[in-house]
């Protein structure tokens, strides 16, 4: 199971669903940070676990240390949502929300607290919206820090994320001045990819 797991029609439908979800997430993030958020076009790849870090490196251009938060979700479609950003960018974001001249909802916050807040907004809005459009209601596990100042290879260690093949759905959110960019990645194992495939067929047949 690799790139041909989805038909062109299914892939287009998934990207449309993801577009709507990311738009909702960007709106919430803009409200949280009181600043304009730029969105990328969602990208969908099916990859082997051993290729995930390199694939994401090629997709995002990240070749430095990252900070990553993970959160599991489940319905009959289950997986992991990850929010990944360059570790250097978290400091820029923290300076923004701690700036007394910026009308922010925050008082002073730590970089870890801020990453959890950003990740909660992005993962909750994106995953819920995508699965809701497929007639599913996800249940979330508590978010956890995968690591601060780690490599992408450490994010995708086989003993941390247990799957052989995964659907990698990536979108990124950036501040207008590009000092901070967060990449949201949804990972689903092979059995959930099949269920996603069936759910997309159901959605397309109802149109």
N, C-alpha and C. Protein backbone atom coordinates (compact mmCIF):
# COMPACT_ATOMS: atom_id res chain seq x y z
N UNK A 1 0.85 -1.20 0.00
CA UNK A 1 0.00 0.00 0.00
C UNK A 1 0.88 1.24 0.00
N UNK A 2 0.82 2.01 -1.07
CA UNK A 2 1.61 3.24 -1.15
C UNK A 2 0.76 4.33 -1.79
N UNK A 3 1.31 5.10 -2.72
CA UNK A 3 0.64 6.27 -3.26
C UNK A 3 -0.69 5.96 -3.95
N UNK A 4 -0.83 4.75 -4.50
CA UNK A 4 -2.05 4.43 -5.26
C UNK A 4 -3.20 4.00 -4.39
N UNK A 5 -3.10 4.21 -3.08
CA UNK A 5 -4.17 3.80 -2.17
C UNK A 5 -5.45 4.60 -2.43
N UNK A 6 -5.33 5.86 -2.90
CA UNK A 6 -6.50 6.69 -3.19
C UNK A 6 -6.61 6.93 -4.68
N UNK A 7 -7.85 6.93 -5.16
CA UNK A 7 -8.08 7.37 -6.52
C UNK A 7 -7.91 8.89 -6.57
N UNK A 8 -7.80 9.45 -7.75
CA UNK A 8 -7.66 10.89 -7.88
C UNK A 8 -8.86 11.61 -7.27
N UNK A 9 -10.04 11.02 -7.47
CA UNK A 9 -11.27 11.61 -6.93
C UNK A 9 -11.25 11.60 -5.40
N UNK A 10 -10.81 10.49 -4.81
CA UNK A 10 -10.73 10.39 -3.36
C UNK A 10 -9.71 11.37 -2.80
N UNK A 11 -8.57 11.48 -3.45
CA UNK A 11 -7.52 12.39 -3.00
C UNK A 11 -8.01 13.84 -3.05
N UNK A 12 -8.71 14.20 -4.13
CA UNK A 12 -9.26 15.55 -4.24
C UNK A 12 -10.25 15.82 -3.12
N UNK A 13 -11.10 14.81 -2.83
CA UNK A 13 -12.09 14.98 -1.76
C UNK A 13 -11.41 15.16 -0.41
N UNK A 14 -10.36 14.36 -0.16
CA UNK A 14 -9.65 14.47 1.11
C UNK A 14 -8.98 15.83 1.24
N UNK A 15 -8.42 16.34 0.17
CA UNK A 15 -7.77 17.65 0.23
C UNK A 15 -8.80 18.77 0.44
N UNK A 16 -9.99 18.62 -0.16
CA UNK A 16 -11.04 19.60 0.07
C UNK A 16 -11.49 19.60 1.52
N UNK A 17 -11.67 18.39 2.07
CA UNK A 17 -12.04 18.25 3.48
C UNK A 17 -10.96 18.89 4.36
N UNK A 18 -9.70 18.59 4.04
CA UNK A 18 -8.60 19.14 4.82
C UNK A 18 -8.54 20.66 4.71
N UNK A 19 -8.82 21.20 3.52
CA UNK A 19 -8.84 22.65 3.34
C UNK A 19 -9.82 23.33 4.29
N UNK A 20 -11.01 22.76 4.37
CA UNK A 20 -12.04 23.32 5.26
C UNK A 20 -11.58 23.24 6.71
N UNK A 21 -11.02 22.09 7.09
CA UNK A 21 -10.55 21.91 8.46
C UNK A 21 -9.44 22.88 8.81
N UNK A 22 -8.49 23.05 7.89
CA UNK A 22 -7.37 23.94 8.16
C UNK A 22 -7.83 25.39 8.25
N UNK A 23 -8.82 25.75 7.45
CA UNK A 23 -9.36 27.10 7.53
C UNK A 23 -9.95 27.39 8.90
N UNK A 24 -10.69 26.42 9.44
CA UNK A 24 -11.26 26.59 10.78
C UNK A 24 -10.15 26.69 11.83
N UNK A 25 -9.13 25.84 11.68
CA UNK A 25 -8.02 25.85 12.63
C UNK A 25 -7.26 27.18 12.57
N UNK A 26 -7.03 27.69 11.36
CA UNK A 26 -6.31 28.96 11.21
C UNK A 26 -7.08 30.11 11.85
N UNK A 27 -8.40 30.09 11.72
CA UNK A 27 -9.23 31.13 12.34
C UNK A 27 -9.08 31.10 13.86
N UNK A 28 -9.09 29.91 14.43
CA UNK A 28 -8.95 29.78 15.88
C UNK A 28 -7.55 30.19 16.33
N UNK A 29 -6.54 29.83 15.54
CA UNK A 29 -5.17 30.18 15.90
C UNK A 29 -4.96 31.69 15.81
N UNK A 30 -5.54 32.32 14.79
CA UNK A 30 -5.43 33.77 14.65
C UNK A 30 -6.08 34.48 15.84
N UNK A 31 -7.20 33.92 16.30
CA UNK A 31 -7.89 34.50 17.46
C UNK A 31 -7.04 34.32 18.71
N UNK A 32 -6.41 33.15 18.84
CA UNK A 32 -5.58 32.86 20.01
C UNK A 32 -4.38 33.79 20.10
N UNK A 33 -3.74 34.02 18.94
CA UNK A 33 -2.49 34.79 18.91
C UNK A 33 -2.69 36.25 18.54
N UNK A 34 -3.91 36.60 18.14
CA UNK A 34 -4.24 37.96 17.74
C UNK A 34 -3.32 38.43 16.61
N UNK A 35 -3.18 37.60 15.60
CA UNK A 35 -2.35 37.94 14.45
C UNK A 35 -2.83 37.17 13.23
N UNK A 36 -2.46 37.64 12.04
CA UNK A 36 -2.88 36.99 10.81
C UNK A 36 -2.11 35.69 10.61
N UNK A 37 -2.79 34.64 10.15
CA UNK A 37 -2.18 33.33 9.91
C UNK A 37 -2.27 32.98 8.43
N UNK A 38 -1.14 32.58 7.86
CA UNK A 38 -1.11 32.12 6.48
C UNK A 38 -1.18 30.59 6.45
N UNK A 39 -1.88 30.06 5.45
CA UNK A 39 -2.09 28.61 5.33
C UNK A 39 -1.44 28.09 4.06
N UNK A 40 -0.94 26.86 4.14
CA UNK A 40 -0.47 26.19 2.93
C UNK A 40 -1.59 25.32 2.37
N UNK A 41 -1.36 24.75 1.20
CA UNK A 41 -2.29 23.78 0.62
C UNK A 41 -2.00 22.43 1.27
N UNK A 42 -3.01 21.70 1.74
CA UNK A 42 -2.76 20.38 2.33
C UNK A 42 -2.10 19.44 1.33
N UNK A 43 -1.16 18.64 1.83
CA UNK A 43 -0.48 17.67 0.98
C UNK A 43 -0.69 16.28 1.56
N UNK A 44 -0.97 15.32 0.68
CA UNK A 44 -1.28 13.95 1.11
C UNK A 44 -0.27 12.99 0.50
N UNK A 45 0.37 12.20 1.36
CA UNK A 45 1.28 11.15 0.89
C UNK A 45 1.00 9.88 1.69
N UNK A 46 1.20 8.73 1.07
CA UNK A 46 1.18 7.46 1.78
C UNK A 46 2.61 6.95 1.79
N UNK A 47 3.16 6.73 2.99
CA UNK A 47 4.58 6.42 3.11
C UNK A 47 4.81 5.24 4.03
N UNK A 48 5.96 4.59 3.87
CA UNK A 48 6.40 3.59 4.82
C UNK A 48 6.97 4.28 6.05
N UNK A 49 6.86 3.65 7.20
CA UNK A 49 7.34 4.25 8.44
C UNK A 49 8.80 4.65 8.34
N UNK A 50 9.60 3.82 7.65
CA UNK A 50 11.02 4.10 7.55
C UNK A 50 11.32 5.34 6.70
N UNK A 51 10.34 5.76 5.89
CA UNK A 51 10.54 6.91 4.99
C UNK A 51 9.88 8.18 5.51
N UNK A 52 9.16 8.09 6.64
CA UNK A 52 8.33 9.21 7.08
C UNK A 52 9.15 10.46 7.39
N UNK A 53 10.24 10.30 8.14
CA UNK A 53 11.03 11.47 8.52
C UNK A 53 11.61 12.16 7.29
N UNK A 54 12.19 11.38 6.37
CA UNK A 54 12.78 11.97 5.17
C UNK A 54 11.72 12.60 4.28
N UNK A 55 10.56 11.95 4.17
CA UNK A 55 9.47 12.51 3.36
C UNK A 55 9.02 13.85 3.91
N UNK A 56 8.85 13.92 5.24
CA UNK A 56 8.41 15.18 5.85
C UNK A 56 9.51 16.23 5.73
N UNK A 57 10.76 15.82 5.82
CA UNK A 57 11.87 16.76 5.65
C UNK A 57 11.83 17.39 4.26
N UNK A 58 11.54 16.56 3.25
CA UNK A 58 11.45 17.06 1.88
C UNK A 58 10.23 17.96 1.70
N UNK A 59 9.12 17.61 2.36
CA UNK A 59 7.89 18.39 2.22
C UNK A 59 8.00 19.74 2.90
N UNK A 60 8.70 19.79 4.04
CA UNK A 60 8.69 21.00 4.87
C UNK A 60 9.96 21.83 4.77
N UNK A 61 11.05 21.21 4.28
CA UNK A 61 12.32 21.93 4.24
C UNK A 61 13.00 22.03 5.59
N UNK A 62 12.49 21.31 6.59
CA UNK A 62 13.09 21.36 7.93
C UNK A 62 14.31 20.44 7.96
N UNK A 63 15.45 21.01 8.35
CA UNK A 63 16.65 20.21 8.52
C UNK A 63 17.40 20.70 9.76
N UNK A 64 16.64 20.97 10.80
CA UNK A 64 17.21 21.43 12.06
C UNK A 64 16.37 20.87 13.19
N UNK A 65 16.69 21.23 14.41
CA UNK A 65 15.96 20.66 15.55
C UNK A 65 14.51 21.18 15.58
N UNK A 66 13.62 20.31 16.05
CA UNK A 66 12.21 20.65 16.10
C UNK A 66 11.64 20.42 17.50
N UNK A 67 10.50 21.02 17.72
CA UNK A 67 9.68 20.75 18.91
C UNK A 67 8.39 20.12 18.40
N UNK A 68 7.96 19.04 19.04
CA UNK A 68 6.81 18.29 18.53
C UNK A 68 5.88 17.86 19.65
N UNK A 69 4.59 18.06 19.41
CA UNK A 69 3.53 17.62 20.32
C UNK A 69 2.69 16.59 19.59
N UNK A 70 2.28 15.53 20.28
CA UNK A 70 1.46 14.49 19.67
C UNK A 70 0.15 14.34 20.43
N UNK A 71 -0.88 13.88 19.71
CA UNK A 71 -2.16 13.55 20.34
C UNK A 71 -2.83 12.45 19.54
N UNK A 72 -3.22 11.39 20.22
CA UNK A 72 -3.92 10.30 19.56
C UNK A 72 -5.40 10.61 19.42
N UNK A 73 -6.02 10.06 18.38
CA UNK A 73 -7.47 10.19 18.20
C UNK A 73 -8.00 8.84 17.71
N UNK A 74 -9.26 8.60 18.00
CA UNK A 74 -9.83 7.34 17.54
C UNK A 74 -11.33 7.44 17.33
N UNK A 75 -11.78 6.76 16.33
CA UNK A 75 -13.16 6.37 16.08
C UNK A 75 -12.95 5.02 15.42
N UNK A 76 -13.69 4.67 14.35
CA UNK A 76 -13.24 3.49 13.61
C UNK A 76 -12.01 3.85 12.77
N UNK A 77 -11.81 5.17 12.55
CA UNK A 77 -10.57 5.69 11.96
C UNK A 77 -9.74 6.26 13.10
N UNK A 78 -8.54 5.75 13.29
CA UNK A 78 -7.72 6.23 14.41
C UNK A 78 -6.32 6.56 13.93
N UNK A 79 -5.63 7.36 14.72
CA UNK A 79 -4.28 7.74 14.34
C UNK A 79 -3.66 8.69 15.33
N UNK A 80 -2.64 9.37 14.87
CA UNK A 80 -1.92 10.36 15.67
C UNK A 80 -1.91 11.68 14.93
N UNK A 81 -2.11 12.75 15.67
CA UNK A 81 -1.91 14.09 15.12
C UNK A 81 -0.64 14.65 15.76
N UNK A 82 0.20 15.24 14.94
CA UNK A 82 1.44 15.85 15.42
C UNK A 82 1.48 17.31 15.01
N UNK A 83 1.94 18.15 15.89
CA UNK A 83 2.26 19.54 15.53
C UNK A 83 3.76 19.68 15.71
N UNK A 84 4.43 20.05 14.62
CA UNK A 84 5.89 20.11 14.59
C UNK A 84 6.31 21.50 14.14
N UNK A 85 7.30 22.07 14.80
CA UNK A 85 7.84 23.35 14.34
C UNK A 85 9.32 23.42 14.65
N UNK A 86 10.02 24.27 13.93
CA UNK A 86 11.42 24.50 14.24
C UNK A 86 11.52 25.04 15.67
N UNK A 87 12.42 24.49 16.44
CA UNK A 87 12.55 24.92 17.84
C UNK A 87 12.87 26.41 17.94
N UNK A 88 13.64 26.92 16.98
CA UNK A 88 13.98 28.35 17.00
C UNK A 88 12.75 29.23 16.84
N UNK A 89 11.73 28.71 16.12
CA UNK A 89 10.52 29.49 15.89
C UNK A 89 9.66 29.66 17.12
N UNK A 90 9.75 28.71 18.06
CA UNK A 90 8.92 28.79 19.27
C UNK A 90 9.31 30.02 20.08
N UNK A 91 10.61 30.33 20.11
CA UNK A 91 11.06 31.53 20.83
C UNK A 91 10.49 32.79 20.22
N UNK A 92 10.43 32.86 18.89
CA UNK A 92 9.85 34.03 18.22
C UNK A 92 8.37 34.18 18.59
N UNK A 93 7.68 33.06 18.62
CA UNK A 93 6.25 33.10 18.93
C UNK A 93 6.03 33.51 20.38
N UNK A 94 6.88 32.98 21.26
CA UNK A 94 6.76 33.32 22.68
C UNK A 94 6.99 34.82 22.89
N UNK A 95 7.96 35.38 22.17
CA UNK A 95 8.23 36.82 22.28
C UNK A 95 7.02 37.62 21.81
N UNK A 96 6.33 37.11 20.77
CA UNK A 96 5.15 37.80 20.26
C UNK A 96 4.05 37.87 21.31
N UNK A 97 3.72 36.73 21.91
CA UNK A 97 2.59 36.73 22.83
C UNK A 97 2.95 37.33 24.18
N UNK A 98 4.25 37.42 24.49
CA UNK A 98 4.66 38.05 25.74
C UNK A 98 4.95 39.54 25.59
N UNK A 99 4.83 40.06 24.36
CA UNK A 99 5.07 41.48 24.10
C UNK A 99 3.93 42.29 24.72
N UNK A 100 4.22 43.17 25.65
CA UNK A 100 3.15 43.93 26.31
C UNK A 100 2.40 44.86 25.37
N UNK A 101 2.97 45.14 24.19
CA UNK A 101 2.30 46.04 23.26
C UNK A 101 1.38 45.30 22.30
N UNK A 102 1.40 43.95 22.39
CA UNK A 102 0.50 43.15 21.55
C UNK A 102 -0.72 42.78 22.37
N UNK A 103 -1.89 42.98 21.82
CA UNK A 103 -3.12 42.68 22.55
C UNK A 103 -3.34 41.18 22.51
N UNK A 104 -2.73 40.49 23.44
CA UNK A 104 -2.79 39.03 23.48
C UNK A 104 -3.58 38.59 24.70
N UNK A 105 -4.13 37.37 24.62
CA UNK A 105 -4.88 36.81 25.75
C UNK A 105 -3.92 36.31 26.83
N UNK A 106 -2.62 36.36 26.58
CA UNK A 106 -1.65 35.79 27.48
C UNK A 106 -1.03 36.82 28.42
N UNK A 107 -0.65 36.33 29.61
CA UNK A 107 0.38 37.01 30.36
C UNK A 107 1.67 36.29 29.93
N UNK A 108 2.71 36.30 30.76
CA UNK A 108 3.94 35.61 30.37
C UNK A 108 3.68 34.11 30.29
N UNK A 109 4.15 33.48 29.21
CA UNK A 109 3.98 32.04 29.06
C UNK A 109 5.33 31.40 28.71
N UNK A 110 5.47 30.15 29.07
CA UNK A 110 6.69 29.43 28.71
C UNK A 110 6.53 28.88 27.30
N UNK A 111 7.66 28.51 26.70
CA UNK A 111 7.62 27.95 25.35
C UNK A 111 6.84 26.65 25.33
N UNK A 112 6.99 25.84 26.38
CA UNK A 112 6.27 24.56 26.43
C UNK A 112 4.77 24.79 26.51
N UNK A 113 4.35 25.71 27.39
CA UNK A 113 2.92 26.02 27.52
C UNK A 113 2.35 26.51 26.19
N UNK A 114 3.11 27.35 25.51
CA UNK A 114 2.64 27.93 24.26
C UNK A 114 2.50 26.86 23.18
N UNK A 115 3.47 25.95 23.11
CA UNK A 115 3.38 24.87 22.13
C UNK A 115 2.15 24.00 22.37
N UNK A 116 1.85 23.72 23.64
CA UNK A 116 0.67 22.93 23.95
C UNK A 116 -0.60 23.67 23.53
N UNK A 117 -0.63 24.98 23.77
CA UNK A 117 -1.81 25.76 23.39
C UNK A 117 -2.02 25.77 21.87
N UNK A 118 -0.93 26.02 21.14
CA UNK A 118 -1.01 26.04 19.67
C UNK A 118 -1.42 24.66 19.15
N UNK A 119 -0.78 23.62 19.69
CA UNK A 119 -1.07 22.26 19.24
C UNK A 119 -2.51 21.88 19.53
N UNK A 120 -3.01 22.24 20.71
CA UNK A 120 -4.40 21.91 21.06
C UNK A 120 -5.38 22.53 20.07
N UNK A 121 -5.14 23.78 19.73
CA UNK A 121 -6.02 24.47 18.78
C UNK A 121 -5.99 23.79 17.42
N UNK A 122 -4.77 23.54 16.91
CA UNK A 122 -4.64 22.98 15.57
C UNK A 122 -5.15 21.54 15.50
N UNK A 123 -4.73 20.72 16.43
CA UNK A 123 -5.13 19.31 16.38
C UNK A 123 -6.62 19.14 16.62
N UNK A 124 -7.14 19.85 17.61
CA UNK A 124 -8.56 19.71 17.90
C UNK A 124 -9.43 20.14 16.74
N UNK A 125 -9.15 21.31 16.18
CA UNK A 125 -9.97 21.82 15.08
C UNK A 125 -9.83 20.98 13.83
N UNK A 126 -8.60 20.64 13.46
CA UNK A 126 -8.37 19.92 12.20
C UNK A 126 -8.91 18.51 12.22
N UNK A 127 -8.52 17.76 13.23
CA UNK A 127 -8.94 16.35 13.28
C UNK A 127 -10.46 16.25 13.42
N UNK A 128 -11.04 17.04 14.31
CA UNK A 128 -12.49 16.99 14.50
C UNK A 128 -13.23 17.33 13.22
N UNK A 129 -12.79 18.39 12.54
CA UNK A 129 -13.48 18.82 11.32
C UNK A 129 -13.38 17.75 10.23
N UNK A 130 -12.20 17.19 10.04
CA UNK A 130 -12.02 16.18 8.99
C UNK A 130 -12.89 14.96 9.27
N UNK A 131 -12.85 14.45 10.50
CA UNK A 131 -13.62 13.25 10.81
C UNK A 131 -15.12 13.53 10.87
N UNK A 132 -15.50 14.73 11.32
CA UNK A 132 -16.92 15.07 11.34
C UNK A 132 -17.51 15.08 9.93
N UNK A 133 -16.73 15.55 8.96
CA UNK A 133 -17.22 15.55 7.59
C UNK A 133 -17.35 14.14 7.02
N UNK A 134 -16.66 13.19 7.65
CA UNK A 134 -16.79 11.79 7.24
C UNK A 134 -17.73 11.03 8.16
N UNK A 135 -18.55 11.79 8.90
CA UNK A 135 -19.55 11.21 9.78
C UNK A 135 -18.97 10.45 10.96
N UNK A 136 -17.83 10.88 11.45
CA UNK A 136 -17.20 10.28 12.61
C UNK A 136 -17.00 11.34 13.69
N UNK A 137 -17.04 10.90 14.94
CA UNK A 137 -16.76 11.79 16.06
C UNK A 137 -15.56 11.24 16.80
N UNK A 138 -14.40 11.92 16.71
CA UNK A 138 -13.20 11.37 17.33
C UNK A 138 -13.18 11.52 18.85
N UNK A 139 -12.52 10.58 19.49
CA UNK A 139 -12.20 10.66 20.91
C UNK A 139 -10.69 10.90 20.98
N UNK A 140 -10.28 11.89 21.77
CA UNK A 140 -8.87 12.26 21.84
C UNK A 140 -8.23 11.75 23.12
N UNK A 141 -6.99 11.33 23.01
CA UNK A 141 -6.18 11.07 24.20
C UNK A 141 -5.52 12.38 24.60
N UNK A 142 -5.03 12.49 25.85
CA UNK A 142 -4.37 13.74 26.25
C UNK A 142 -3.14 14.00 25.39
N UNK A 143 -2.87 15.25 25.04
CA UNK A 143 -1.67 15.56 24.25
C UNK A 143 -0.42 15.35 25.09
N UNK A 144 0.67 15.07 24.40
CA UNK A 144 1.94 14.89 25.09
C UNK A 144 3.08 15.48 24.28
N UNK A 145 4.12 15.89 24.96
CA UNK A 145 5.29 16.44 24.29
C UNK A 145 6.16 15.30 23.79
N UNK A 146 6.36 15.22 22.48
CA UNK A 146 7.26 14.21 21.92
C UNK A 146 8.71 14.60 22.15
N UNK A 147 8.97 15.88 22.15
CA UNK A 147 10.33 16.33 22.42
C UNK A 147 10.54 17.78 22.06
N UNK A 148 11.52 18.39 22.68
CA UNK A 148 11.95 19.75 22.37
C UNK A 148 13.39 19.70 21.88
N UNK A 149 13.67 20.39 20.79
CA UNK A 149 15.01 20.40 20.18
C UNK A 149 15.48 18.98 19.84
N UNK A 150 14.64 18.27 19.10
CA UNK A 150 14.97 16.93 18.63
C UNK A 150 14.96 16.92 17.10
N UNK A 151 15.45 15.86 16.49
CA UNK A 151 15.46 15.77 15.04
C UNK A 151 14.15 15.15 14.55
N UNK A 152 13.84 15.33 13.28
CA UNK A 152 12.66 14.69 12.71
C UNK A 152 12.75 13.18 12.81
N UNK A 153 13.97 12.64 12.73
CA UNK A 153 14.13 11.19 12.86
C UNK A 153 13.67 10.72 14.24
N UNK A 154 13.92 11.53 15.27
CA UNK A 154 13.48 11.16 16.62
C UNK A 154 11.97 11.23 16.74
N UNK A 155 11.33 12.13 15.99
CA UNK A 155 9.86 12.25 16.02
C UNK A 155 9.23 10.97 15.50
N UNK A 156 9.83 10.36 14.49
CA UNK A 156 9.23 9.21 13.83
C UNK A 156 9.91 7.88 14.18
N UNK A 157 10.39 7.77 15.40
CA UNK A 157 10.97 6.50 15.83
C UNK A 157 9.91 5.40 15.79
N UNK A 158 10.30 4.23 15.31
CA UNK A 158 9.35 3.13 15.14
C UNK A 158 8.75 2.69 16.47
N UNK A 159 9.50 2.81 17.57
CA UNK A 159 8.95 2.37 18.86
C UNK A 159 8.06 3.43 19.49
N UNK A 160 8.01 4.62 18.90
CA UNK A 160 7.13 5.68 19.41
C UNK A 160 5.79 5.67 18.67
N UNK A 161 5.86 5.60 17.35
CA UNK A 161 4.66 5.56 16.52
C UNK A 161 4.63 4.20 15.82
N UNK A 162 3.77 3.32 16.31
CA UNK A 162 3.80 1.92 15.88
C UNK A 162 2.96 1.68 14.63
N UNK A 163 3.57 1.80 13.46
CA UNK A 163 2.89 1.47 12.21
C UNK A 163 3.94 1.20 11.14
N UNK A 164 3.56 0.49 10.11
CA UNK A 164 4.48 0.17 9.01
C UNK A 164 4.24 1.08 7.81
N UNK A 165 2.97 1.37 7.54
CA UNK A 165 2.58 2.25 6.44
C UNK A 165 1.65 3.30 7.01
N UNK A 166 1.76 4.53 6.55
CA UNK A 166 0.91 5.57 7.12
C UNK A 166 0.48 6.58 6.08
N UNK A 167 -0.71 7.12 6.30
CA UNK A 167 -1.19 8.27 5.55
C UNK A 167 -0.60 9.50 6.22
N UNK A 168 0.14 10.29 5.47
CA UNK A 168 0.77 11.49 5.98
C UNK A 168 0.05 12.68 5.33
N UNK A 169 -0.73 13.38 6.13
CA UNK A 169 -1.46 14.56 5.66
C UNK A 169 -0.83 15.76 6.33
N UNK A 170 -0.21 16.64 5.54
CA UNK A 170 0.54 17.77 6.10
C UNK A 170 -0.02 19.10 5.63
N UNK A 171 -0.11 20.04 6.57
CA UNK A 171 -0.43 21.42 6.24
C UNK A 171 0.37 22.29 7.19
N UNK A 172 0.70 23.50 6.77
CA UNK A 172 1.43 24.35 7.71
C UNK A 172 0.78 25.72 7.85
N UNK A 173 0.96 26.26 9.04
CA UNK A 173 0.38 27.53 9.45
C UNK A 173 1.54 28.46 9.79
N UNK A 174 1.54 29.67 9.25
CA UNK A 174 2.67 30.57 9.48
C UNK A 174 2.19 31.95 9.89
N UNK A 175 2.98 32.60 10.74
CA UNK A 175 2.75 34.01 11.01
C UNK A 175 3.07 34.80 9.74
N UNK A 176 2.48 35.96 9.63
CA UNK A 176 2.63 36.76 8.42
C UNK A 176 4.09 37.12 8.15
N UNK A 177 4.88 37.31 9.22
CA UNK A 177 6.29 37.66 9.01
C UNK A 177 7.19 36.43 8.89
N UNK A 178 6.58 35.23 8.90
CA UNK A 178 7.29 33.96 8.68
C UNK A 178 8.28 33.60 9.80
N UNK A 179 8.21 34.27 10.96
CA UNK A 179 9.14 33.93 12.04
C UNK A 179 8.73 32.64 12.74
N UNK A 180 7.48 32.19 12.54
CA UNK A 180 7.02 30.94 13.15
C UNK A 180 6.16 30.20 12.14
N UNK A 181 6.42 28.92 11.99
CA UNK A 181 5.62 28.07 11.11
C UNK A 181 5.38 26.74 11.81
N UNK A 182 4.13 26.36 11.95
CA UNK A 182 3.77 25.08 12.57
C UNK A 182 3.25 24.14 11.50
N UNK A 183 3.73 22.92 11.52
CA UNK A 183 3.30 21.89 10.57
C UNK A 183 2.41 20.90 11.31
N UNK A 184 1.19 20.76 10.85
CA UNK A 184 0.30 19.75 11.42
C UNK A 184 0.33 18.52 10.52
N UNK A 185 0.57 17.38 11.14
CA UNK A 185 0.66 16.12 10.40
C UNK A 185 -0.31 15.13 11.03
N UNK A 186 -1.14 14.52 10.20
CA UNK A 186 -2.01 13.43 10.66
C UNK A 186 -1.45 12.12 10.14
N UNK A 187 -1.26 11.16 11.02
CA UNK A 187 -0.74 9.85 10.66
C UNK A 187 -1.78 8.79 10.95
N UNK A 188 -2.02 7.93 9.99
CA UNK A 188 -2.94 6.82 10.19
C UNK A 188 -2.32 5.54 9.68
N UNK A 189 -2.48 4.47 10.42
CA UNK A 189 -1.93 3.18 10.03
C UNK A 189 -2.79 2.54 8.94
N UNK A 190 -2.31 1.39 8.45
CA UNK A 190 -2.88 0.78 7.25
C UNK A 190 -4.37 0.47 7.38
N UNK A 191 -4.80 -0.08 8.52
CA UNK A 191 -6.22 -0.42 8.65
C UNK A 191 -7.10 0.82 8.65
N UNK A 192 -6.60 1.92 9.25
CA UNK A 192 -7.38 3.16 9.25
C UNK A 192 -7.36 3.83 7.88
N UNK A 193 -6.30 3.62 7.12
CA UNK A 193 -6.27 4.16 5.75
C UNK A 193 -7.37 3.50 4.92
N UNK A 194 -7.55 2.19 5.12
CA UNK A 194 -8.63 1.49 4.39
C UNK A 194 -10.00 2.05 4.79
N UNK A 195 -10.17 2.30 6.07
CA UNK A 195 -11.46 2.86 6.52
C UNK A 195 -11.65 4.28 5.99
N UNK A 196 -10.58 5.05 5.93
CA UNK A 196 -10.65 6.38 5.34
C UNK A 196 -11.05 6.29 3.88
N UNK A 197 -10.49 5.32 3.19
CA UNK A 197 -10.81 5.07 1.79
C UNK A 197 -12.32 4.80 1.63
N UNK A 198 -12.85 3.94 2.48
CA UNK A 198 -14.28 3.60 2.43
C UNK A 198 -15.14 4.82 2.78
N UNK A 199 -14.69 5.60 3.78
CA UNK A 199 -15.45 6.79 4.18
C UNK A 199 -15.50 7.82 3.06
N UNK A 200 -14.39 7.97 2.34
CA UNK A 200 -14.37 8.91 1.22
C UNK A 200 -15.29 8.43 0.10
N UNK A 201 -15.33 7.12 -0.13
CA UNK A 201 -16.27 6.57 -1.12
C UNK A 201 -17.71 6.89 -0.73
N UNK A 202 -18.00 6.73 0.56
CA UNK A 202 -19.34 7.03 1.05
C UNK A 202 -19.70 8.48 0.87
N UNK A 203 -18.74 9.36 1.15
CA UNK A 203 -18.97 10.79 0.97
C UNK A 203 -19.21 11.13 -0.49
N UNK A 204 -18.39 10.59 -1.38
CA UNK A 204 -18.51 10.88 -2.81
C UNK A 204 -19.83 10.35 -3.37
N UNK A 205 -20.27 9.20 -2.90
CA UNK A 205 -21.53 8.63 -3.42
C UNK A 205 -22.75 9.40 -2.95
N UNK A 206 -22.59 10.18 -1.86
CA UNK A 206 -23.72 10.96 -1.34
C UNK A 206 -23.85 12.31 -2.01
N UNK A 207 -22.87 12.71 -2.81
CA UNK A 207 -22.90 14.03 -3.46
C UNK A 207 -23.81 14.04 -4.66
